[in-house]
C-alpha atoms as a PDB file:
ATOM      1  CA  MET A   1      -0.007   0.213  -0.310  1.00  0.00           C
ATOM      2  CA  SER A   2       1.399   3.608  -0.822  1.00  0.00           C
ATOM      3  CA  ARG A   3       2.863   5.644   2.197  1.00  0.00           C
ATOM      4  CA  ILE A   4       4.804   8.243   3.118  1.00  0.00           C
ATOM      5  CA  ASP A   5       8.218   7.664   4.101  1.00  0.00           C
ATOM      6  CA  GLU A   6       9.178  10.482   6.806  1.00  0.00           C
ATOM      7  CA  SER A   7      12.778  10.099   6.922  1.00  0.00           C
ATOM      8  CA  LYS A   8      12.927  11.597   2.950  1.00  0.00           C
ATOM      9  CA  GLU A   9      13.111  15.252   2.809  1.00  0.00           C
ATOM     10  CA  PHE A  10      10.021  16.984   0.886  1.00  0.00           C
ATOM     11  CA  ILE A  11      10.603  18.820  -2.434  1.00  0.00           C
ATOM     12  CA  PRO A  12       8.777  21.451  -3.566  1.00  0.00           C
ATOM     13  CA  VAL A  13       7.587  20.944  -7.352  1.00  0.00           C
ATOM     14  CA  ARG A  14       6.783  24.045  -9.244  1.00  0.00           C
ATOM     15  CA  ILE A  15       3.378  23.621 -10.644  1.00  0.00           C
ATOM     16  CA  ALA A  16       1.462  26.601 -13.324  1.00  0.00           C
ATOM     17  CA  VAL A  17      -2.536  26.193 -13.139  1.00  0.00           C
ATOM     18  CA  LEU A  18      -4.403  27.147 -16.393  1.00  0.00           C
ATOM     19  CA  THR A  19      -8.297  27.638 -16.332  1.00  0.00           C
ATOM     20  CA  VAL A  20      -9.909  26.880 -19.861  1.00  0.00           C
ATOM     21  CA  SER A  21     -13.286  28.794 -20.121  1.00  0.00           C
ATOM     22  CA  ASP A  22     -15.131  30.650 -22.077  1.00  0.00           C
ATOM     23  CA  THR A  23     -16.436  32.871 -19.393  1.00  0.00           C
ATOM     24  CA  ARG A  24     -14.185  32.495 -16.514  1.00  0.00           C
ATOM     25  CA  THR A  25     -11.928  35.414 -14.980  1.00  0.00           C
ATOM     26  CA  LEU A  26      -9.273  35.026 -12.101  1.00  0.00           C
ATOM     27  CA  ALA A  27     -12.048  36.161  -9.539  1.00  0.00           C
ATOM     28  CA  GLU A  28     -14.750  33.459 -10.579  1.00  0.00           C
ATOM     29  CA  ASP A  29     -12.222  30.850 -10.988  1.00  0.00           C
ATOM     30  CA  ARG A  30     -12.714  28.750  -7.886  1.00  0.00           C
ATOM     31  CA  SER A  31     -11.584  25.015  -9.726  1.00  0.00           C
ATOM     32  CA  GLY A  32      -8.340  27.376 -10.330  1.00  0.00           C
ATOM     33  CA  ASP A  33      -8.021  28.727  -6.364  1.00  0.00           C
ATOM     34  CA  THR A  34      -8.678  25.537  -5.180  1.00  0.00           C
ATOM     35  CA  LEU A  35      -6.028  23.879  -7.385  1.00  0.00           C
ATOM     36  CA  VAL A  36      -3.589  26.629  -6.034  1.00  0.00           C
ATOM     37  CA  GLN A  37      -4.695  26.330  -2.166  1.00  0.00           C
ATOM     38  CA  ARG A  38      -4.392  22.550  -2.277  1.00  0.00           C
ATOM     39  CA  LEU A  39      -0.697  22.627  -4.053  1.00  0.00           C
ATOM     40  CA  THR A  40       0.444  25.431  -1.902  1.00  0.00           C
ATOM     41  CA  ASP A  41      -0.552  23.875   1.538  1.00  0.00           C
ATOM     42  CA  ALA A  42       0.912  20.727   0.563  1.00  0.00           C
ATOM     43  CA  GLY A  43       4.261  22.923   0.125  1.00  0.00           C
ATOM     44  CA  HIS A  44       4.766  23.424  -3.351  1.00  0.00           C
ATOM     45  CA  LEU A  45       5.117  26.537  -5.815  1.00  0.00           C
ATOM     46  CA  LEU A  46       2.280  28.409  -7.748  1.00  0.00           C
ATOM     47  CA  ALA A  47       5.029  28.864 -10.824  1.00  0.00           C
ATOM     48  CA  ALA A  48       1.933  30.509 -13.045  1.00  0.00           C
ATOM     49  CA  ARG A  49      -1.525  31.187 -13.036  1.00  0.00           C
ATOM     50  CA  ALA A  50      -3.447  31.858 -16.653  1.00  0.00           C
ATOM     51  CA  ILE A  51      -7.244  31.506 -18.138  1.00  0.00           C
ATOM     52  CA  THR A  52      -7.733  30.638 -21.343  1.00  0.00           C
ATOM     53  CA  THR A  53     -10.836  30.629 -23.718  1.00  0.00           C
ATOM     54  CA  ASP A  54     -11.835  27.049 -24.975  1.00  0.00           C
ATOM     55  CA  ASP A  55     -10.008  27.229 -28.008  1.00  0.00           C
ATOM     56  CA  ARG A  56      -7.622  24.308 -29.111  1.00  0.00           C
ATOM     57  CA  GLU A  57      -4.835  26.085 -30.711  1.00  0.00           C
ATOM     58  CA  LYS A  58      -4.675  28.765 -27.578  1.00  0.00           C
ATOM     59  CA  ILE A  59      -4.695  26.186 -24.979  1.00  0.00           C
ATOM     60  CA  ALA A  60      -1.976  23.760 -26.670  1.00  0.00           C
ATOM     61  CA  SER A  61       0.178  27.314 -27.231  1.00  0.00           C
ATOM     62  CA  GLN A  62       0.050  28.122 -23.716  1.00  0.00           C
ATOM     63  CA  LEU A  63       1.178  24.925 -22.510  1.00  0.00           C
ATOM     64  CA  ARG A  64       3.368  24.448 -25.137  1.00  0.00           C
ATOM     65  CA  ASP A  65       5.354  28.035 -23.351  1.00  0.00           C
ATOM     66  CA  TRP A  66       4.902  26.468 -19.823  1.00  0.00           C
ATOM     67  CA  VAL A  67       7.019  23.056 -20.704  1.00  0.00           C
ATOM     68  CA  ALA A  68       9.527  25.468 -22.761  1.00  0.00           C
ATOM     69  CA  ASP A  69       9.578  27.034 -19.202  1.00  0.00           C
ATOM     70  CA  LYS A  70      12.289  25.268 -17.145  1.00  0.00           C
ATOM     71  CA  GLU A  71      11.185  27.147 -13.735  1.00  0.00           C
ATOM     72  CA  ILE A  72       8.052  25.145 -14.405  1.00  0.00           C
ATOM     73  CA  ASP A  73       7.825  21.315 -13.307  1.00  0.00           C
ATOM     74  CA  VAL A  74       3.987  20.211 -13.606  1.00  0.00           C
ATOM     75  CA  ILE A  75       1.177  21.953 -15.865  1.00  0.00           C
ATOM     76  CA  LEU A  76      -2.726  21.817 -14.590  1.00  0.00           C
ATOM     77  CA  SER A  77      -5.528  22.671 -16.505  1.00  0.00           C
ATOM     78  CA  THR A  78      -8.753  22.705 -15.231  1.00  0.00           C
ATOM     79  CA  GLY A  79     -12.055  22.800 -17.428  1.00  0.00           C
ATOM     80  CA  GLY A  80     -13.008  21.976 -21.145  1.00  0.00           C
ATOM     81  CA  THR A  81     -12.388  17.907 -20.613  1.00  0.00           C
ATOM     82  CA  GLY A  82     -16.394  17.066 -21.484  1.00  0.00           C
ATOM     83  CA  LEU A  83     -17.985  16.090 -24.442  1.00  0.00           C
ATOM     84  CA  THR A  84     -19.408  18.883 -25.557  1.00  0.00           C
ATOM     85  CA  GLY A  85     -18.232  20.713 -29.206  1.00  0.00           C
ATOM     86  CA  ARG A  86     -16.059  23.487 -26.964  1.00  0.00           C
ATOM     87  CA  ASP A  87     -14.417  20.590 -24.943  1.00  0.00           C
ATOM     88  CA  VAL A  88     -11.413  20.737 -26.316  1.00  0.00           C
ATOM     89  CA  THR A  89      -8.505  20.656 -24.282  1.00  0.00           C
ATOM     90  CA  VAL A  90      -8.058  17.020 -24.167  1.00  0.00           C
ATOM     91  CA  GLU A  91      -7.316  17.438 -27.745  1.00  0.00           C
ATOM     92  CA  ALA A  92      -4.993  20.433 -26.933  1.00  0.00           C
ATOM     93  CA  HIS A  93      -3.312  18.346 -24.335  1.00  0.00           C
ATOM     94  CA  ARG A  94      -2.405  15.047 -26.678  1.00  0.00           C
ATOM     95  CA  ASP A  95      -1.136  17.772 -29.122  1.00  0.00           C
ATOM     96  CA  VAL A  96       1.591  18.717 -26.930  1.00  0.00           C
ATOM     97  CA  TYR A  97       2.271  15.251 -24.926  1.00  0.00           C
ATOM     98  CA  GLU A  98       5.266  13.087 -26.100  1.00  0.00           C
ATOM     99  CA  LYS A  99       3.756  10.058 -24.048  1.00  0.00           C
ATOM    100  CA  GLU A 100       0.450  10.253 -22.531  1.00  0.00           C
ATOM    101  CA  ILE A 101       0.168   8.942 -18.931  1.00  0.00           C
ATOM    102  CA  GLU A 102      -2.676   6.656 -19.742  1.00  0.00           C
ATOM    103  CA  ALA A 103      -3.369   5.238 -16.508  1.00  0.00           C
ATOM    104  CA  PHE A 104      -3.991   8.730 -14.626  1.00  0.00           C
ATOM    105  CA  GLY A 105      -7.877   9.014 -16.404  1.00  0.00           C
ATOM    106  CA  THR A 106      -8.417   5.341 -15.301  1.00  0.00           C
ATOM    107  CA  VAL A 107      -7.572   5.937 -12.135  1.00  0.00           C
ATOM    108  CA  PHE A 108      -9.141   9.331 -11.813  1.00  0.00           C
ATOM    109  CA  THR A 109     -12.458   7.687 -13.143  1.00  0.00           C
ATOM    110  CA  LEU A 110     -12.337   5.038 -10.467  1.00  0.00           C
ATOM    111  CA  ILE A 111     -12.292   7.799  -7.977  1.00  0.00           C
ATOM    112  CA  SER A 112     -14.800   9.834  -9.658  1.00  0.00           C
ATOM    113  CA  MET A 113     -17.189   6.575  -9.938  1.00  0.00           C
ATOM    114  CA  GLN A 114     -16.992   6.474  -5.824  1.00  0.00           C
ATOM    115  CA  LYS A 115     -18.310   9.949  -5.835  1.00  0.00           C
ATOM    116  CA  ILE A 116     -20.527  10.380  -8.689  1.00  0.00           C
ATOM    117  CA  GLY A 117     -21.483   6.862 -10.309  1.00  0.00           C
ATOM    118  CA  THR A 118     -21.576   6.660 -13.803  1.00  0.00           C
ATOM    119  CA  SER A 119     -21.353  10.044 -14.398  1.00  0.00           C
ATOM    120  CA  ALA A 120     -17.772   9.387 -14.405  1.00  0.00           C
ATOM    121  CA  VAL A 121     -17.619   8.245 -17.436  1.00  0.00           C
ATOM    122  CA  GLN A 122     -18.413  12.149 -19.078  1.00  0.00           C
ATOM    123  CA  SER A 123     -15.356  13.207 -17.832  1.00  0.00           C
ATOM    124  CA  ARG A 124     -11.757  12.775 -20.401  1.00  0.00           C
ATOM    125  CA  ALA A 125      -9.126  13.609 -17.445  1.00  0.00           C
ATOM    126  CA  THR A 126      -5.971  12.967 -19.042  1.00  0.00           C
ATOM    127  CA  GLY A 127      -1.854  13.156 -17.914  1.00  0.00           C
ATOM    128  CA  GLY A 128       1.179  13.098 -19.896  1.00  0.00           C
ATOM    129  CA  VAL A 129       4.830  14.863 -20.278  1.00  0.00           C
ATOM    130  CA  ALA A 130       6.130  16.655 -22.771  1.00  0.00           C
ATOM    131  CA  GLY A 131       9.408  18.372 -22.487  1.00  0.00           C
ATOM    132  CA  GLY A 132      10.445  16.684 -18.759  1.00  0.00           C
ATOM    133  CA  THR A 133       7.524  18.176 -17.561  1.00  0.00           C
ATOM    134  CA  TYR A 134       4.269  16.866 -16.440  1.00  0.00           C
ATOM    135  CA  LEU A 135       0.675  17.618 -17.752  1.00  0.00           C
ATOM    136  CA  PHE A 136      -2.507  16.950 -16.486  1.00  0.00           C
ATOM    137  CA  ALA A 137      -5.839  18.015 -17.736  1.00  0.00           C
ATOM    138  CA  LEU A 138      -9.026  18.225 -14.849  1.00  0.00           C
ATOM    139  CA  PRO A 139     -12.315  18.895 -15.182  1.00  0.00           C
ATOM    140  CA  GLY A 140     -13.666  22.238 -14.828  1.00  0.00           C
ATOM    141  CA  SER A 141     -16.006  21.294 -11.493  1.00  0.00           C
ATOM    142  CA  THR A 142     -14.529  22.221  -8.096  1.00  0.00           C
ATOM    143  CA  GLY A 143     -15.413  18.734  -6.616  1.00  0.00           C
ATOM    144  CA  ALA A 144     -13.659  17.001 -10.040  1.00  0.00           C
ATOM    145  CA  CYS A 145     -10.326  19.471  -9.021  1.00  0.00           C
ATOM    146  CA  LYS A 146     -10.123  17.996  -5.698  1.00  0.00           C
ATOM    147  CA  ASP A 147     -10.504  14.408  -6.311  1.00  0.00           C
ATOM    148  CA  ALA A 148      -7.487  14.644  -8.651  1.00  0.00           C
ATOM    149  CA  TRP A 149      -5.081  16.433  -6.247  1.00  0.00           C
ATOM    150  CA  ASP A 150      -6.679  15.036  -2.970  1.00  0.00           C
ATOM    151  CA  GLU A 151      -6.703  11.459  -4.095  1.00  0.00           C
ATOM    152  CA  ILE A 152      -3.921  11.049  -7.129  1.00  0.00           C
ATOM    153  CA  LEU A 153      -1.859  14.263  -7.187  1.00  0.00           C
ATOM    154  CA  ARG A 154      -1.017  15.270  -4.079  1.00  0.00           C
ATOM    155  CA  TRP A 155       0.677  11.513  -3.736  1.00  0.00           C
ATOM    156  CA  GLN A 156       2.334  11.460  -6.813  1.00  0.00           C
ATOM    157  CA  LEU A 157       3.750  14.848  -6.727  1.00  0.00           C
ATOM    158  CA  ASP A 158       5.134  14.018  -2.984  1.00  0.00           C
ATOM    159  CA  TYR A 159       8.819  12.707  -3.582  1.00  0.00           C
ATOM    160  CA  ARG A 160       8.480  10.825  -0.042  1.00  0.00           C
ATOM    161  CA  HIS A 161       5.302   8.711  -1.290  1.00  0.00           C
ATOM    162  CA  ARG A 162       6.151   4.855  -1.645  1.00  0.00           C
ATOM    163  CA  PRO A 163       6.630   2.779  -3.323  1.00  0.00           C
ATOM    164  CA  CYS A 164       7.209   5.211  -6.404  1.00  0.00           C
ATOM    165  CA  ASN A 165       6.025   8.681  -7.460  1.00  0.00           C
ATOM    166  CA  PHE A 166       6.483  11.057 -10.729  1.00  0.00           C
ATOM    167  CA  VAL A 167       9.088  13.510  -8.526  1.00  0.00           C
ATOM    168  CA  GLU A 168      11.999  11.090  -8.417  1.00  0.00           C
ATOM    169  CA  ILE A 169      11.527  10.545 -12.047  1.00  0.00           C
ATOM    170  CA  PHE A 170      11.661  13.932 -13.061  1.00  0.00           C
ATOM    171  CA  PRO A 171      15.369  13.793 -13.970  1.00  0.00           C
ATOM    172  CA  ARG A 172      14.982  10.733 -16.334  1.00  0.00           C
ATOM    173  CA  LEU A 173      11.730  12.434 -18.291  1.00  0.00           C
ATOM    174  CA  ASP A 174      14.098  13.659 -21.085  1.00  0.00           C
ATOM    175  CA  GLU A 175      16.862  11.562 -21.131  1.00  0.00           C
ATOM    176  CA  HIS A 176      15.829  10.813 -24.453  1.00  0.00           C
ATOM    177  CA  GLN A 177      16.698  14.148 -25.657  1.00  0.00           C
ATOM    178  CA  ARG A 178      19.900  14.012 -23.774  1.00  0.00           C
ATOM    179  CA  ARG A 179      23.352  13.937 -26.282  1.00  0.00           C
ATOM    180  CA  LYS A 180      25.077  10.306 -25.456  1.00  0.00           C
END
């Protein structure tokens, strides 16, 4: 079972939060606020925050800019993961990914099933890696952001988490790009 190894030192991760919405502003962004509060409460650093509209190219462009920024380790986006015509966040993420973390969506669905039953099938939460940066696309609801952070990301972004975590493999995410 997973656990925190208290003998290891906590390593803060630099996280950017992107809200995807045609209607929200920063002042009304409860899901973004929820993620910021949770990540900072956990001891991580807010590296950047932005809002963009439900436009595939704009979303992908922001993701690429943040992937290129060596001061950002993780990108969390919220919104645009549903099934409607304007929901293009997942496609934008996949435009940027070098590798998809398929199990992230599966685990998120399992967690969601416990909270909202079969309505969980309407979410397309996803995760991936690009340029040595982790990217996660979360639904726009505050509850879904809480679930993703509390049940998955809080643990996987903690270096002390055992048996394994995302932080310990940061140095190897871009090893294919290094000269041999």
